[in-house]
């Protein structure tokens, strides 16, 4: 075997063993409103982020008993998110927060 061939084999073996950079994928999960109140706003941010990101619902609301599939396409490789839920004025609930690993759950039901 020549040195050139051995060198090429070592480089090829090294490249095959090198870690491959992970690509961020969209995080998709389902939220169910298990309360008796209308959920008007839903915010998420990766755990430890100081500010909330935009309201995921926009102009929509989630009525009691309804579910909606949420996609977080923020390009991050994050699973643990802080969540903030805001309810309609005059309801029994006003605002509640939670932190969960949304990749592991796949779905989340908010309760009173």
PDB file of N, CA and C in Angstrom:
ATOM      1  N   UNK A   1       0.829  -1.167   0.000  1.00  0.00           N
ATOM      2  CA  UNK A   1       0.000   0.000   0.000  1.00  0.00           C
ATOM      3  C   UNK A   1       0.876   1.233   0.000  1.00  0.00           C
ATOM      4  N   UNK A   2       0.467   2.230  -0.744  1.00  0.00           N
ATOM      5  CA  UNK A   2       1.256   3.457  -0.797  1.00  0.00           C
ATOM      6  C   UNK A   2       0.843   4.377   0.335  1.00  0.00           C
ATOM      7  N   UNK A   3       1.707   5.299   0.676  1.00  0.00           N
ATOM      8  CA  UNK A   3       1.430   6.280   1.736  1.00  0.00           C
ATOM      9  C   UNK A   3       0.257   7.170   1.344  1.00  0.00           C
ATOM     10  N   UNK A   4       0.132   7.483   0.055  1.00  0.00           N
ATOM     11  CA  UNK A   4      -0.946   8.349  -0.427  1.00  0.00           C
ATOM     12  C   UNK A   4      -2.300   7.677  -0.162  1.00  0.00           C
ATOM     13  N   UNK A   5      -2.373   6.356  -0.443  1.00  0.00           N
ATOM     14  CA  UNK A   5      -3.613   5.628  -0.240  1.00  0.00           C
ATOM     15  C   UNK A   5      -3.938   5.524   1.252  1.00  0.00           C
ATOM     16  N   UNK A   6      -2.954   5.270   2.082  1.00  0.00           N
ATOM     17  CA  UNK A   6      -3.159   5.170   3.530  1.00  0.00           C
ATOM     18  C   UNK A   6      -3.623   6.515   4.094  1.00  0.00           C
ATOM     19  N   UNK A   7      -3.014   7.598   3.630  1.00  0.00           N
ATOM     20  CA  UNK A   7      -3.406   8.934   4.079  1.00  0.00           C
ATOM     21  C   UNK A   7      -4.853   9.221   3.718  1.00  0.00           C
ATOM     22  N   UNK A   8      -5.260   8.852   2.498  1.00  0.00           N
ATOM     23  CA  UNK A   8      -6.643   9.087   2.073  1.00  0.00           C
ATOM     24  C   UNK A   8      -7.603   8.247   2.906  1.00  0.00           C
ATOM     25  N   UNK A   9      -7.217   7.030   3.259  1.00  0.00           N
ATOM     26  CA  UNK A   9      -8.078   6.171   4.068  1.00  0.00           C
ATOM     27  C   UNK A   9      -8.240   6.737   5.474  1.00  0.00           C
ATOM     28  N   UNK A  10      -7.178   7.289   6.042  1.00  0.00           N
ATOM     29  CA  UNK A  10      -7.248   7.878   7.380  1.00  0.00           C
ATOM     30  C   UNK A  10      -8.164   9.102   7.363  1.00  0.00           C
ATOM     31  N   UNK A  11      -8.042   9.955   6.366  1.00  0.00           N
ATOM     32  CA  UNK A  11      -8.885  11.147   6.250  1.00  0.00           C
ATOM     33  C   UNK A  11     -10.348  10.741   6.092  1.00  0.00           C
ATOM     34  N   UNK A  12     -10.613   9.747   5.260  1.00  0.00           N
ATOM     35  CA  UNK A  12     -11.982   9.280   5.054  1.00  0.00           C
ATOM     36  C   UNK A  12     -12.554   8.721   6.360  1.00  0.00           C
ATOM     37  N   UNK A  13     -11.781   7.929   7.085  1.00  0.00           N
ATOM     38  CA  UNK A  13     -12.246   7.365   8.354  1.00  0.00           C
ATOM     39  C   UNK A  13     -12.516   8.475   9.360  1.00  0.00           C
ATOM     40  N   UNK A  14     -11.681   9.498   9.402  1.00  0.00           N
ATOM     41  CA  UNK A  14     -11.862  10.613  10.312  1.00  0.00           C
ATOM     42  C   UNK A  14     -13.139  11.370   9.989  1.00  0.00           C
ATOM     43  N   UNK A  15     -13.379  11.639   8.723  1.00  0.00           N
ATOM     44  CA  UNK A  15     -14.577  12.370   8.322  1.00  0.00           C
ATOM     45  C   UNK A  15     -15.847  11.583   8.623  1.00  0.00           C
ATOM     46  N   UNK A  16     -15.796  10.286   8.485  1.00  0.00           N
ATOM     47  CA  UNK A  16     -16.967   9.456   8.774  1.00  0.00           C
ATOM     48  C   UNK A  16     -17.255   9.424  10.266  1.00  0.00           C
ATOM     49  N   UNK A  17     -16.213   9.521  11.088  1.00  0.00           N
ATOM     50  CA  UNK A  17     -16.388   9.458  12.534  1.00  0.00           C
ATOM     51  C   UNK A  17     -16.691  10.829  13.126  1.00  0.00           C
ATOM     52  N   UNK A  18     -16.450  11.899  12.383  1.00  0.00           N
ATOM     53  CA  UNK A  18     -16.674  13.253  12.891  1.00  0.00           C
ATOM     54  C   UNK A  18     -18.159  13.458  13.152  1.00  0.00           C
ATOM     55  N   UNK A  19     -18.503  14.179  14.227  1.00  0.00           N
ATOM     56  CA  UNK A  19     -19.919  14.413  14.505  1.00  0.00           C
ATOM     57  C   UNK A  19     -20.555  15.264  13.409  1.00  0.00           C
ATOM     58  N   UNK A  20     -21.783  14.936  13.097  1.00  0.00           N
ATOM     59  CA  UNK A  20     -22.514  15.678  12.079  1.00  0.00           C
ATOM     60  C   UNK A  20     -23.327  16.738  12.794  1.00  0.00           C
ATOM     61  N   UNK A  21     -23.282  17.967  12.316  1.00  0.00           N
ATOM     62  CA  UNK A  21     -24.037  19.058  12.923  1.00  0.00           C
ATOM     63  C   UNK A  21     -25.525  18.759  12.836  1.00  0.00           C
ATOM     64  N   UNK A  22     -26.203  18.930  13.951  1.00  0.00           N
ATOM     65  CA  UNK A  22     -27.649  18.686  13.981  1.00  0.00           C
ATOM     66  C   UNK A  22     -28.375  19.857  13.318  1.00  0.00           C
ATOM     67  N   UNK A  23     -29.436  19.537  12.618  1.00  0.00           N
ATOM     68  CA  UNK A  23     -30.239  20.563  11.979  1.00  0.00           C
ATOM     69  C   UNK A  23     -31.471  20.818  12.835  1.00  0.00           C
ATOM     70  N   UNK A  24     -31.779  22.102  13.037  1.00  0.00           N
ATOM     71  CA  UNK A  24     -32.958  22.454  13.814  1.00  0.00           C
ATOM     72  C   UNK A  24     -34.209  22.037  13.055  1.00  0.00           C
ATOM     73  N   UNK A  25     -35.146  21.456  13.774  1.00  0.00           N
ATOM     74  CA  UNK A  25     -36.415  21.058  13.185  1.00  0.00           C
ATOM     75  C   UNK A  25     -37.520  21.839  13.877  1.00  0.00           C
ATOM     76  N   UNK A  26     -38.635  22.003  13.172  1.00  0.00           N
ATOM     77  CA  UNK A  26     -39.781  22.655  13.769  1.00  0.00           C
ATOM     78  C   UNK A  26     -40.291  21.810  14.923  1.00  0.00           C
ATOM     79  N   UNK A  27     -40.694  22.461  15.993  1.00  0.00           N
ATOM     80  CA  UNK A  27     -41.272  21.783  17.144  1.00  0.00           C
ATOM     81  C   UNK A  27     -42.785  21.834  17.003  1.00  0.00           C
ATOM     82  N   UNK A  28     -43.424  20.682  16.903  1.00  0.00           N
ATOM     83  CA  UNK A  28     -44.871  20.607  16.714  1.00  0.00           C
ATOM     84  C   UNK A  28     -45.474  19.895  17.917  1.00  0.00           C
ATOM     85  N   UNK A  29     -46.484  20.511  18.540  1.00  0.00           N
ATOM     86  CA  UNK A  29     -47.172  19.907  19.673  1.00  0.00           C
ATOM     87  C   UNK A  29     -48.611  20.412  19.708  1.00  0.00           C
ATOM     88  N   UNK A  30     -49.438  19.770  20.498  1.00  0.00           N
ATOM     89  CA  UNK A  30     -50.852  20.120  20.588  1.00  0.00           C
ATOM     90  C   UNK A  30     -51.144  20.693  21.963  1.00  0.00           C
ATOM     91  N   UNK A  31     -51.888  21.801  21.991  1.00  0.00           N
ATOM     92  CA  UNK A  31     -52.357  22.393  23.243  1.00  0.00           C
ATOM     93  C   UNK A  31     -53.861  22.157  23.336  1.00  0.00           C
ATOM     94  N   UNK A  32     -54.297  21.716  24.514  1.00  0.00           N
ATOM     95  CA  UNK A  32     -55.722  21.556  24.788  1.00  0.00           C
ATOM     96  C   UNK A  32     -56.098  22.467  25.944  1.00  0.00           C
ATOM     97  N   UNK A  33     -57.189  23.188  25.770  1.00  0.00           N
ATOM     98  CA  UNK A  33     -57.696  24.054  26.831  1.00  0.00           C
ATOM     99  C   UNK A  33     -58.631  23.227  27.710  1.00  0.00           C
ATOM    100  N   UNK A  34     -58.118  22.747  28.832  1.00  0.00           N
ATOM    101  CA  UNK A  34     -58.889  21.946  29.761  1.00  0.00           C
ATOM    102  C   UNK A  34     -59.526  22.772  30.863  1.00  0.00           C
ATOM    103  N   UNK A  35     -59.634  24.077  30.643  1.00  0.00           N
ATOM    104  CA  UNK A  35     -60.246  24.961  31.635  1.00  0.00           C
ATOM    105  C   UNK A  35     -61.674  25.299  31.203  1.00  0.00           C
ATOM    106  N   UNK A  36     -62.352  26.072  32.044  1.00  0.00           N
ATOM    107  CA  UNK A  36     -63.686  26.574  31.712  1.00  0.00           C
ATOM    108  C   UNK A  36     -63.626  28.003  31.183  1.00  0.00           C
ATOM    109  N   UNK A  37     -62.424  28.486  30.869  1.00  0.00           N
ATOM    110  CA  UNK A  37     -62.227  29.863  30.429  1.00  0.00           C
ATOM    111  C   UNK A  37     -61.663  29.901  29.013  1.00  0.00           C
ATOM    112  N   UNK A  38     -61.943  30.998  28.318  1.00  0.00           N
ATOM    113  CA  UNK A  38     -61.429  31.179  26.960  1.00  0.00           C
ATOM    114  C   UNK A  38     -59.966  31.602  27.043  1.00  0.00           C
ATOM    115  N   UNK A  39     -59.090  30.846  26.394  1.00  0.00           N
ATOM    116  CA  UNK A  39     -57.664  31.148  26.334  1.00  0.00           C
ATOM    117  C   UNK A  39     -57.451  32.117  25.182  1.00  0.00           C
ATOM    118  N   UNK A  40     -57.046  33.345  25.482  1.00  0.00           N
ATOM    119  CA  UNK A  40     -56.953  34.388  24.455  1.00  0.00           C
ATOM    120  C   UNK A  40     -55.547  34.603  23.923  1.00  0.00           C
ATOM    121  N   UNK A  41     -54.534  34.324  24.742  1.00  0.00           N
ATOM    122  CA  UNK A  41     -53.154  34.551  24.311  1.00  0.00           C
ATOM    123  C   UNK A  41     -52.264  33.423  24.834  1.00  0.00           C
ATOM    124  N   UNK A  42     -51.283  33.049  24.007  1.00  0.00           N
ATOM    125  CA  UNK A  42     -50.330  32.007  24.374  1.00  0.00           C
ATOM    126  C   UNK A  42     -48.949  32.442  23.902  1.00  0.00           C
ATOM    127  N   UNK A  43     -48.022  32.524  24.837  1.00  0.00           N
ATOM    128  CA  UNK A  43     -46.655  32.946  24.546  1.00  0.00           C
ATOM    129  C   UNK A  43     -45.691  31.826  24.908  1.00  0.00           C
ATOM    130  N   UNK A  44     -44.626  31.694  24.142  1.00  0.00           N
ATOM    131  CA  UNK A  44     -43.557  30.751  24.463  1.00  0.00           C
ATOM    132  C   UNK A  44     -42.225  31.454  24.315  1.00  0.00           C
ATOM    133  N   UNK A  45     -41.254  30.957  25.032  1.00  0.00           N
ATOM    134  CA  UNK A  45     -39.868  31.381  24.902  1.00  0.00           C
ATOM    135  C   UNK A  45     -39.003  30.245  25.420  1.00  0.00           C
ATOM    136  N   UNK A  46     -37.839  30.036  24.830  1.00  0.00           N
ATOM    137  CA  UNK A  46     -36.946  29.017  25.386  1.00  0.00           C
ATOM    138  C   UNK A  46     -36.678  29.319  26.857  1.00  0.00           C
ATOM    139  N   UNK A  47     -36.595  28.288  27.664  1.00  0.00           N
ATOM    140  CA  UNK A  47     -36.381  28.448  29.104  1.00  0.00           C
ATOM    141  C   UNK A  47     -35.198  29.377  29.365  1.00  0.00           C
ATOM    142  N   UNK A  48     -35.412  30.324  30.267  1.00  0.00           N
ATOM    143  CA  UNK A  48     -34.348  31.234  30.653  1.00  0.00           C
ATOM    144  C   UNK A  48     -34.266  32.504  29.824  1.00  0.00           C
ATOM    145  N   UNK A  49     -35.058  32.601  28.752  1.00  0.00           N
ATOM    146  CA  UNK A  49     -35.075  33.820  27.951  1.00  0.00           C
ATOM    147  C   UNK A  49     -35.805  34.897  28.747  1.00  0.00           C
ATOM    148  N   UNK A  50     -35.314  36.132  28.705  1.00  0.00           N
ATOM    149  CA  UNK A  50     -35.893  37.197  29.518  1.00  0.00           C
ATOM    150  C   UNK A  50     -37.243  37.684  29.005  1.00  0.00           C
ATOM    151  N   UNK A  51     -37.447  37.709  27.712  1.00  0.00           N
ATOM    152  CA  UNK A  51     -38.665  38.272  27.140  1.00  0.00           C
ATOM    153  C   UNK A  51     -39.514  37.196  26.485  1.00  0.00           C
ATOM    154  N   UNK A  52     -40.835  37.404  26.484  1.00  0.00           N
ATOM    155  CA  UNK A  52     -41.749  36.521  25.779  1.00  0.00           C
ATOM    156  C   UNK A  52     -41.722  36.844  24.302  1.00  0.00           C
ATOM    157  N   UNK A  53     -41.868  35.832  23.490  1.00  0.00           N
ATOM    158  CA  UNK A  53     -41.954  36.045  22.052  1.00  0.00           C
ATOM    159  C   UNK A  53     -43.396  36.393  21.702  1.00  0.00           C
ATOM    160  N   UNK A  54     -43.712  36.547  20.429  1.00  0.00           N
ATOM    161  CA  UNK A  54     -45.048  36.976  20.007  1.00  0.00           C
ATOM    162  C   UNK A  54     -46.137  36.005  20.448  1.00  0.00           C
ATOM    163  N   UNK A  55     -47.357  36.533  20.586  1.00  0.00           N
ATOM    164  CA  UNK A  55     -48.533  35.719  20.893  1.00  0.00           C
ATOM    165  C   UNK A  55     -48.734  34.720  19.759  1.00  0.00           C
ATOM    166  N   UNK A  56     -48.695  33.444  20.082  1.00  0.00           N
ATOM    167  CA  UNK A  56     -48.813  32.390  19.075  1.00  0.00           C
ATOM    168  C   UNK A  56     -50.196  32.402  18.420  1.00  0.00           C
ATOM    169  N   UNK A  57     -51.239  32.753  19.187  1.00  0.00           N
ATOM    170  CA  UNK A  57     -52.603  32.719  18.674  1.00  0.00           C
ATOM    171  C   UNK A  57     -52.928  33.858  17.710  1.00  0.00           C
ATOM    172  N   UNK A  58     -52.240  34.987  17.832  1.00  0.00           N
ATOM    173  CA  UNK A  58     -52.590  36.132  16.989  1.00  0.00           C
ATOM    174  C   UNK A  58     -53.995  36.599  17.323  1.00  0.00           C
ATOM    175  N   UNK A  59     -54.900  36.577  16.352  1.00  0.00           N
ATOM    176  CA  UNK A  59     -56.288  37.008  16.568  1.00  0.00           C
ATOM    177  C   UNK A  59     -57.208  35.859  16.957  1.00  0.00           C
ATOM    178  N   UNK A  60     -56.689  34.658  17.084  1.00  0.00           N
ATOM    179  CA  UNK A  60     -57.498  33.483  17.406  1.00  0.00           C
ATOM    180  C   UNK A  60     -57.589  33.305  18.925  1.00  0.00           C
ATOM    181  N   UNK A  61     -58.547  32.496  19.356  1.00  0.00           N
ATOM    182  CA  UNK A  61     -58.677  32.117  20.764  1.00  0.00           C
ATOM    183  C   UNK A  61     -58.880  30.607  20.824  1.00  0.00           C
ATOM    184  N   UNK A  62     -58.712  30.053  22.015  1.00  0.00           N
ATOM    185  CA  UNK A  62     -58.937  28.626  22.215  1.00  0.00           C
ATOM    186  C   UNK A  62     -60.036  28.473  23.265  1.00  0.00           C
ATOM    187  N   UNK A  63     -61.188  28.026  22.814  1.00  0.00           N
ATOM    188  CA  UNK A  63     -62.352  27.858  23.683  1.00  0.00           C
ATOM    189  C   UNK A  63     -62.140  26.668  24.623  1.00  0.00           C
ATOM    190  N   UNK A  64     -62.869  26.635  25.754  1.00  0.00           N
ATOM    191  CA  UNK A  64     -62.769  25.483  26.660  1.00  0.00           C
ATOM    192  C   UNK A  64     -63.024  24.171  25.907  1.00  0.00           C
ATOM    193  N   UNK A  65     -62.159  23.189  26.149  1.00  0.00           N
ATOM    194  CA  UNK A  65     -62.292  21.878  25.521  1.00  0.00           C
ATOM    195  C   UNK A  65     -61.682  21.767  24.139  1.00  0.00           C
ATOM    196  N   UNK A  66     -61.311  22.880  23.511  1.00  0.00           N
ATOM    197  CA  UNK A  66     -60.721  22.836  22.168  1.00  0.00           C
ATOM    198  C   UNK A  66     -59.227  22.541  22.225  1.00  0.00           C
ATOM    199  N   UNK A  67     -58.714  22.018  21.115  1.00  0.00           N
ATOM    200  CA  UNK A  67     -57.279  21.753  20.950  1.00  0.00           C
ATOM    201  C   UNK A  67     -56.800  22.427  19.682  1.00  0.00           C
ATOM    202  N   UNK A  68     -55.514  22.723  19.647  1.00  0.00           N
ATOM    203  CA  UNK A  68     -54.910  23.306  18.461  1.00  0.00           C
ATOM    204  C   UNK A  68     -53.478  22.784  18.351  1.00  0.00           C
ATOM    205  N   UNK A  69     -53.038  22.520  17.130  1.00  0.00           N
ATOM    206  CA  UNK A  69     -51.659  22.102  16.900  1.00  0.00           C
ATOM    207  C   UNK A  69     -50.815  23.362  16.712  1.00  0.00           C
ATOM    208  N   UNK A  70     -49.738  23.437  17.458  1.00  0.00           N
ATOM    209  CA  UNK A  70     -48.839  24.585  17.439  1.00  0.00           C
ATOM    210  C   UNK A  70     -47.512  24.161  16.818  1.00  0.00           C
ATOM    211  N   UNK A  71     -46.972  25.003  15.957  1.00  0.00           N
ATOM    212  CA  UNK A  71     -45.649  24.778  15.394  1.00  0.00           C
ATOM    213  C   UNK A  71     -44.743  25.928  15.804  1.00  0.00           C
ATOM    214  N   UNK A  72     -43.643  25.611  16.457  1.00  0.00           N
ATOM    215  CA  UNK A  72     -42.629  26.609  16.776  1.00  0.00           C
ATOM    216  C   UNK A  72     -41.497  26.395  15.785  1.00  0.00           C
ATOM    217  N   UNK A  73     -41.384  27.323  14.863  1.00  0.00           N
ATOM    218  CA  UNK A  73     -40.363  27.232  13.809  1.00  0.00           C
ATOM    219  C   UNK A  73     -39.356  28.357  14.015  1.00  0.00           C
ATOM    220  N   UNK A  74     -38.681  28.305  15.166  1.00  0.00           N
ATOM    221  CA  UNK A  74     -37.749  29.381  15.493  1.00  0.00           C
ATOM    222  C   UNK A  74     -36.302  29.064  15.144  1.00  0.00           C
ATOM    223  N   UNK A  75     -36.049  27.891  14.569  1.00  0.00           N
ATOM    224  CA  UNK A  75     -34.696  27.541  14.151  1.00  0.00           C
ATOM    225  C   UNK A  75     -33.789  27.111  15.292  1.00  0.00           C
ATOM    226  N   UNK A  76     -34.320  27.041  16.489  1.00  0.00           N
ATOM    227  CA  UNK A  76     -33.506  26.649  17.637  1.00  0.00           C
ATOM    228  C   UNK A  76     -33.561  25.136  17.838  1.00  0.00           C
ATOM    229  N   UNK A  77     -32.560  24.616  18.489  1.00  0.00           N
ATOM    230  CA  UNK A  77     -32.535  23.200  18.861  1.00  0.00           C
ATOM    231  C   UNK A  77     -32.868  23.108  20.337  1.00  0.00           C
ATOM    232  N   UNK A  78     -34.058  23.568  20.687  1.00  0.00           N
ATOM    233  CA  UNK A  78     -34.503  23.673  22.065  1.00  0.00           C
ATOM    234  C   UNK A  78     -35.786  22.878  22.241  1.00  0.00           C
ATOM    235  N   UNK A  79     -35.933  22.244  23.380  1.00  0.00           N
ATOM    236  CA  UNK A  79     -37.163  21.512  23.694  1.00  0.00           C
ATOM    237  C   UNK A  79     -37.871  22.075  24.921  1.00  0.00           C
ATOM    238  N   UNK A  80     -37.111  22.631  25.849  1.00  0.00           N
ATOM    239  CA  UNK A  80     -37.698  23.133  27.085  1.00  0.00           C
ATOM    240  C   UNK A  80     -38.086  24.596  26.901  1.00  0.00           C
ATOM    241  N   UNK A  81     -39.394  24.844  27.029  1.00  0.00           N
ATOM    242  CA  UNK A  81     -39.938  26.187  26.814  1.00  0.00           C
ATOM    243  C   UNK A  81     -40.712  26.663  28.029  1.00  0.00           C
ATOM    244  N   UNK A  82     -40.588  27.966  28.312  1.00  0.00           N
ATOM    245  CA  UNK A  82     -41.477  28.633  29.243  1.00  0.00           C
ATOM    246  C   UNK A  82     -42.737  28.962  28.461  1.00  0.00           C
ATOM    247  N   UNK A  83     -43.896  28.812  29.096  1.00  0.00           N
ATOM    248  CA  UNK A  83     -45.167  29.094  28.434  1.00  0.00           C
ATOM    249  C   UNK A  83     -45.991  30.023  29.315  1.00  0.00           C
ATOM    250  N   UNK A  84     -46.669  30.956  28.665  1.00  0.00           N
ATOM    251  CA  UNK A  84     -47.545  31.898  29.373  1.00  0.00           C
ATOM    252  C   UNK A  84     -48.915  31.857  28.716  1.00  0.00           C
ATOM    253  N   UNK A  85     -49.949  31.623  29.531  1.00  0.00           N
ATOM    254  CA  UNK A  85     -51.322  31.530  29.056  1.00  0.00           C
ATOM    255  C   UNK A  85     -52.113  32.690  29.634  1.00  0.00           C
ATOM    256  N   UNK A  86     -52.814  33.426  28.779  1.00  0.00           N
ATOM    257  CA  UNK A  86     -53.648  34.529  29.247  1.00  0.00           C
ATOM    258  C   UNK A  86     -55.088  34.262  28.830  1.00  0.00           C
ATOM    259  N   UNK A  87     -56.003  34.506  29.762  1.00  0.00           N
ATOM    260  CA  UNK A  87     -57.410  34.193  29.564  1.00  0.00           C
ATOM    261  C   UNK A  87     -58.238  35.466  29.411  1.00  0.00           C
ATOM    262  N   UNK A  88     -59.443  35.303  28.892  1.00  0.00           N
ATOM    263  CA  UNK A  88     -60.354  36.421  28.646  1.00  0.00           C
ATOM    264  C   UNK A  88     -60.650  37.157  29.958  1.00  0.00           C
ATOM    265  N   UNK A  89     -60.840  38.468  29.843  1.00  0.00           N
ATOM    266  CA  UNK A  89     -61.208  39.268  31.005  1.00  0.00           C
ATOM    267  C   UNK A  89     -62.500  38.742  31.612  1.00  0.00           C
ATOM    268  N   UNK A  90     -62.565  38.757  32.933  1.00  0.00           N
ATOM    269  CA  UNK A  90     -63.763  38.316  33.619  1.00  0.00           C
ATOM    270  C   UNK A  90     -63.841  36.815  33.840  1.00  0.00           C
ATOM    271  N   UNK A  91     -62.884  36.053  33.328  1.00  0.00           N
ATOM    272  CA  UNK A  91     -62.899  34.606  33.539  1.00  0.00           C
ATOM    273  C   UNK A  91     -62.294  34.285  34.907  1.00  0.00           C
ATOM    274  N   UNK A  92     -62.465  33.046  35.335  1.00  0.00           N
ATOM    275  CA  UNK A  92     -61.931  32.624  36.630  1.00  0.00           C
ATOM    276  C   UNK A  92     -60.402  32.687  36.661  1.00  0.00           C
ATOM    277  N   UNK A  93     -59.787  32.467  35.517  1.00  0.00           N
ATOM    278  CA  UNK A  93     -58.329  32.504  35.405  1.00  0.00           C
ATOM    279  C   UNK A  93     -57.904  33.793  34.711  1.00  0.00           C
ATOM    280  N   UNK A  94     -56.744  34.299  35.044  1.00  0.00           N
ATOM    281  CA  UNK A  94     -56.220  35.471  34.349  1.00  0.00           C
ATOM    282  C   UNK A  94     -54.967  35.107  33.561  1.00  0.00           C
ATOM    283  N   UNK A  95     -53.908  34.759  34.273  1.00  0.00           N
ATOM    284  CA  UNK A  95     -52.641  34.412  33.636  1.00  0.00           C
ATOM    285  C   UNK A  95     -51.999  33.270  34.411  1.00  0.00           C
ATOM    286  N   UNK A  96     -51.428  32.327  33.691  1.00  0.00           N
ATOM    287  CA  UNK A  96     -50.693  31.246  34.340  1.00  0.00           C
ATOM    288  C   UNK A  96     -49.461  30.931  33.497  1.00  0.00           C
ATOM    289  N   UNK A  97     -48.424  30.440  34.135  1.00  0.00           N
ATOM    290  CA  UNK A  97     -47.174  30.118  33.443  1.00  0.00           C
ATOM    291  C   UNK A  97     -46.722  28.718  33.824  1.00  0.00           C
ATOM    292  N   UNK A  98     -45.950  28.102  32.928  1.00  0.00           N
ATOM    293  CA  UNK A  98     -45.420  26.764  33.161  1.00  0.00           C
ATOM    294  C   UNK A  98     -44.177  26.594  32.303  1.00  0.00           C
ATOM    295  N   UNK A  99     -43.343  25.624  32.650  1.00  0.00           N
ATOM    296  CA  UNK A  99     -42.160  25.264  31.869  1.00  0.00           C
ATOM    297  C   UNK A  99     -42.216  23.765  31.625  1.00  0.00           C
ATOM    298  N   UNK A 100     -42.054  23.363  30.356  1.00  0.00           N
ATOM    299  CA  UNK A 100     -42.135  21.948  30.009  1.00  0.00           C
ATOM    300  C   UNK A 100     -41.172  21.613  28.868  1.00  0.00           C
ATOM    301  N   UNK A 101     -40.799  20.332  28.799  1.00  0.00           N
ATOM    302  CA  UNK A 101     -40.053  19.797  27.663  1.00  0.00           C
ATOM    303  C   UNK A 101     -41.089  19.413  26.607  1.00  0.00           C
ATOM    304  N   UNK A 102     -41.327  20.281  25.654  1.00  0.00           N
ATOM    305  CA  UNK A 102     -42.385  20.068  24.671  1.00  0.00           C
ATOM    306  C   UNK A 102     -42.051  18.963  23.678  1.00  0.00           C
ATOM    307  N   UNK A 103     -40.777  18.667  23.470  1.00  0.00           N
ATOM    308  CA  UNK A 103     -40.401  17.557  22.592  1.00  0.00           C
ATOM    309  C   UNK A 103     -40.828  16.232  23.225  1.00  0.00           C
ATOM    310  N   UNK A 104     -40.628  16.102  24.516  1.00  0.00           N
ATOM    311  CA  UNK A 104     -40.963  14.862  25.208  1.00  0.00           C
ATOM    312  C   UNK A 104     -42.476  14.686  25.347  1.00  0.00           C
ATOM    313  N   UNK A 105     -43.194  15.791  25.540  1.00  0.00           N
ATOM    314  CA  UNK A 105     -44.641  15.701  25.760  1.00  0.00           C
ATOM    315  C   UNK A 105     -45.423  15.436  24.479  1.00  0.00           C
ATOM    316  N   UNK A 106     -45.202  16.247  23.473  1.00  0.00           N
ATOM    317  CA  UNK A 106     -45.968  16.125  22.231  1.00  0.00           C
ATOM    318  C   UNK A 106     -47.320  16.787  22.318  1.00  0.00           C
ATOM    319  N   UNK A 107     -47.864  16.877  23.546  1.00  0.00           N
ATOM    320  CA  UNK A 107     -49.129  17.580  23.750  1.00  0.00           C
ATOM    321  C   UNK A 107     -49.133  18.142  25.172  1.00  0.00           C
ATOM    322  N   UNK A 108     -49.959  19.163  25.375  1.00  0.00           N
ATOM    323  CA  UNK A 108     -50.024  19.820  26.674  1.00  0.00           C
ATOM    324  C   UNK A 108     -51.460  20.244  26.925  1.00  0.00           C
ATOM    325  N   UNK A 109     -52.005  19.908  28.084  1.00  0.00           N
ATOM    326  CA  UNK A 109     -53.348  20.346  28.462  1.00  0.00           C
ATOM    327  C   UNK A 109     -53.236  21.296  29.643  1.00  0.00           C
ATOM    328  N   UNK A 110     -53.780  22.468  29.476  1.00  0.00           N
ATOM    329  CA  UNK A 110     -53.785  23.435  30.575  1.00  0.00           C
ATOM    330  C   UNK A 110     -55.043  23.203  31.402  1.00  0.00           C
ATOM    331  N   UNK A 111     -54.847  23.129  32.727  1.00  0.00           N
ATOM    332  CA  UNK A 111     -55.952  22.892  33.658  1.00  0.00           C
ATOM    333  C   UNK A 111     -56.064  24.083  34.598  1.00  0.00           C
ATOM    334  N   UNK A 112     -57.215  24.187  35.252  1.00  0.00           N
ATOM    335  CA  UNK A 112     -57.414  25.264  36.234  1.00  0.00           C
ATOM    336  C   UNK A 112     -56.688  24.959  37.495  1.00  0.00           C
TER     337      UNK A 112
END
